[in-house]
Every structure is written in C-alpha cells, then in structure tokens.
Amino acid sequence: MDTTKTVHAILYGAADCRRYRRIKQRLNEAAAATGVAVALEEVNDAAALARFNPITLPRLYVEGQLVATRNAPAAAELRRILQAKRHA
C-alpha cells in the first residue's frame, strides 16, 4: 500500500478569522505529527464563500468530506482522519 499519498484539503473562510487560523494550525500540526502530506487549498474569495451560511464558516473538507465547521476538531481526531484518508 502506498503510504505517500497526498491528502487534499480545502479550507473555506476568512484568513483573518481566529477560528480559520486555528483549524489551519491544527491541520498543519496533525500533518506533521502523522507524516501525512497535505495539499491545502484555501478559499477566501467572498463570491466562493457566499454559497455557505456564514454561521457555518470556516469549513474544512478533507478528501471531499466535511470534517469541521466553525471550530477546529481535536488534534487526535484530525490525526485519525488524515491517517484514514492517506490509506483510503
């Protein structure tokens, strides 16, 4: 099994938002802790964000699956998600 698969993540929200920065930080920490390569796409464009209810931002998708809205998941949960997606 190829364990070097890059996991794709998309983070929607305003880059200056405290919650957005926290999700990004936890994702980066989880990637470093697990050794999983993460390709992070950050979507901050107002037109792209308009399709979501603003109360549900920021939003984090990993391999197309919604894994967080508003608050960052626990570090252990993000590590588990990344490891599972790497082997998927």
C-alpha atoms as a PDB file:
ATOM      1  CA  MET A   1       0.000   0.000   0.000  1.00  0.00           C
ATOM      2  CA  ASP A   2       1.309   3.450  -0.924  1.00  0.00           C
ATOM      3  CA  THR A   3       1.675   5.450   2.278  1.00  0.00           C
ATOM      4  CA  THR A   4       2.989   8.551   0.487  1.00  0.00           C
ATOM      5  CA  LYS A   5      -0.412   9.595  -0.890  1.00  0.00           C
ATOM      6  CA  THR A   6      -1.041  13.312  -0.631  1.00  0.00           C
ATOM      7  CA  VAL A   7      -4.274  14.112   1.166  1.00  0.00           C
ATOM      8  CA  HIS A   8      -6.222  17.035  -0.317  1.00  0.00           C
ATOM      9  CA  ALA A   9      -7.920  19.502   1.999  1.00  0.00           C
ATOM     10  CA  ILE A  10      -9.951  22.636   1.341  1.00  0.00           C
ATOM     11  CA  LEU A  11     -10.397  25.308   3.985  1.00  0.00           C
ATOM     12  CA  TYR A  12     -13.167  27.845   3.358  1.00  0.00           C
ATOM     13  CA  GLY A  13     -13.345  31.073   5.329  1.00  0.00           C
ATOM     14  CA  ALA A  14     -11.750  34.425   6.046  1.00  0.00           C
ATOM     15  CA  ALA A  15      -7.998  34.121   6.562  1.00  0.00           C
ATOM     16  CA  ASP A  16      -8.059  36.726   9.348  1.00  0.00           C
ATOM     17  CA  CYS A  17     -10.666  34.784  11.354  1.00  0.00           C
ATOM     18  CA  ARG A  18      -9.406  33.311  14.626  1.00  0.00           C
ATOM     19  CA  ARG A  19     -11.281  30.037  14.062  1.00  0.00           C
ATOM     20  CA  TYR A  20      -9.952  29.747  10.499  1.00  0.00           C
ATOM     21  CA  ARG A  21      -6.377  30.190  11.724  1.00  0.00           C
ATOM     22  CA  ARG A  22      -6.949  27.612  14.493  1.00  0.00           C
ATOM     23  CA  ILE A  23      -8.262  24.990  12.049  1.00  0.00           C
ATOM     24  CA  LYS A  24      -5.315  25.631   9.725  1.00  0.00           C
ATOM     25  CA  GLN A  25      -2.856  25.374  12.626  1.00  0.00           C
ATOM     26  CA  ARG A  26      -4.343  22.104  13.888  1.00  0.00           C
ATOM     27  CA  LEU A  27      -4.369  20.640  10.382  1.00  0.00           C
ATOM     28  CA  ASN A  28      -0.695  21.505   9.903  1.00  0.00           C
ATOM     29  CA  GLU A  29       0.178  20.075  13.331  1.00  0.00           C
ATOM     30  CA  ALA A  30      -1.730  16.856  12.600  1.00  0.00           C
ATOM     31  CA  ALA A  31       0.011  16.515   9.238  1.00  0.00           C
ATOM     32  CA  ALA A  32       3.413  16.969  10.855  1.00  0.00           C
ATOM     33  CA  ALA A  33       2.625  14.525  13.672  1.00  0.00           C
ATOM     34  CA  THR A  34       1.435  11.791  11.311  1.00  0.00           C
ATOM     35  CA  GLY A  35       3.834  12.405   8.446  1.00  0.00           C
ATOM     36  CA  VAL A  36       0.911  12.763   6.049  1.00  0.00           C
ATOM     37  CA  ALA A  37       1.479  15.123   3.127  1.00  0.00           C
ATOM     38  CA  VAL A  38      -1.439  17.568   2.919  1.00  0.00           C
ATOM     39  CA  ALA A  39      -2.189  19.755  -0.101  1.00  0.00           C
ATOM     40  CA  LEU A  40      -4.204  22.585   1.424  1.00  0.00           C
ATOM     41  CA  GLU A  41      -6.343  24.813  -0.769  1.00  0.00           C
ATOM     42  CA  GLU A  42      -7.516  27.951   0.989  1.00  0.00           C
ATOM     43  CA  VAL A  43     -10.688  29.564  -0.341  1.00  0.00           C
ATOM     44  CA  ASN A  44     -11.081  33.122   0.896  1.00  0.00           C
ATOM     45  CA  ASP A  45     -12.906  34.702  -2.046  1.00  0.00           C
ATOM     46  CA  ALA A  46     -16.156  36.374  -0.979  1.00  0.00           C
ATOM     47  CA  ALA A  47     -18.006  35.066  -4.047  1.00  0.00           C
ATOM     48  CA  ALA A  48     -16.994  31.481  -3.271  1.00  0.00           C
ATOM     49  CA  LEU A  49     -17.878  31.850   0.415  1.00  0.00           C
ATOM     50  CA  ALA A  50     -21.311  33.306  -0.399  1.00  0.00           C
ATOM     51  CA  ARG A  51     -22.661  29.836  -1.168  1.00  0.00           C
ATOM     52  CA  PHE A  52     -22.366  28.907   2.516  1.00  0.00           C
ATOM     53  CA  ASN A  53     -24.315  30.112   5.511  1.00  0.00           C
ATOM     54  CA  PRO A  54     -21.811  32.471   7.185  1.00  0.00           C
ATOM     55  CA  ILE A  55     -22.556  30.909  10.563  1.00  0.00           C
ATOM     56  CA  THR A  56     -21.041  27.626   9.303  1.00  0.00           C
ATOM     57  CA  LEU A  57     -17.686  29.194   8.374  1.00  0.00           C
ATOM     58  CA  PRO A  58     -14.899  28.303   8.489  1.00  0.00           C
ATOM     59  CA  ARG A  59     -15.331  24.861   6.925  1.00  0.00           C
ATOM     60  CA  LEU A  60     -12.700  22.182   6.413  1.00  0.00           C
ATOM     61  CA  TYR A  61     -13.047  19.406   3.862  1.00  0.00           C
ATOM     62  CA  VAL A  62     -10.579  16.520   3.680  1.00  0.00           C
ATOM     63  CA  GLU A  63     -10.742  14.417   0.511  1.00  0.00           C
ATOM     64  CA  GLY A  64     -14.208  15.846  -0.151  1.00  0.00           C
ATOM     65  CA  GLN A  65     -15.589  15.024   3.301  1.00  0.00           C
ATOM     66  CA  LEU A  66     -16.718  17.844   5.586  1.00  0.00           C
ATOM     67  CA  VAL A  67     -14.760  17.386   8.816  1.00  0.00           C
ATOM     68  CA  ALA A  68     -15.161  20.744  10.568  1.00  0.00           C
ATOM     69  CA  THR A  69     -17.493  23.715  10.690  1.00  0.00           C
ATOM     70  CA  ARG A  70     -16.805  26.762  12.830  1.00  0.00           C
ATOM     71  CA  ASN A  71     -14.496  25.088  15.363  1.00  0.00           C
ATOM     72  CA  ALA A  72     -11.319  23.105  14.920  1.00  0.00           C
ATOM     73  CA  PRO A  73     -11.588  19.376  15.569  1.00  0.00           C
ATOM     74  CA  ALA A  74      -9.492  17.917  18.351  1.00  0.00           C
ATOM     75  CA  ALA A  75      -5.897  17.237  17.331  1.00  0.00           C
ATOM     76  CA  ALA A  76      -6.355  13.485  17.837  1.00  0.00           C
ATOM     77  CA  GLU A  77      -9.425  13.487  15.587  1.00  0.00           C
ATOM     78  CA  LEU A  78      -7.581  15.298  12.796  1.00  0.00           C
ATOM     79  CA  ARG A  79      -4.667  12.841  13.065  1.00  0.00           C
ATOM     80  CA  ARG A  80      -7.112   9.934  12.779  1.00  0.00           C
ATOM     81  CA  ILE A  81      -8.827  11.487   9.748  1.00  0.00           C
ATOM     82  CA  LEU A  82      -5.534  12.158   7.955  1.00  0.00           C
ATOM     83  CA  GLN A  83      -4.247   8.647   8.568  1.00  0.00           C
ATOM     84  CA  ALA A  84      -7.511   7.101   7.353  1.00  0.00           C
ATOM     85  CA  LYS A  85      -7.575   9.263   4.208  1.00  0.00           C
ATOM     86  CA  ARG A  86      -3.936   8.508   3.454  1.00  0.00           C
ATOM     87  CA  HIS A  87      -4.734   4.795   3.332  1.00  0.00           C
ATOM     88  CA  ALA A  88      -8.080   5.173   1.543  1.00  0.00           C
END
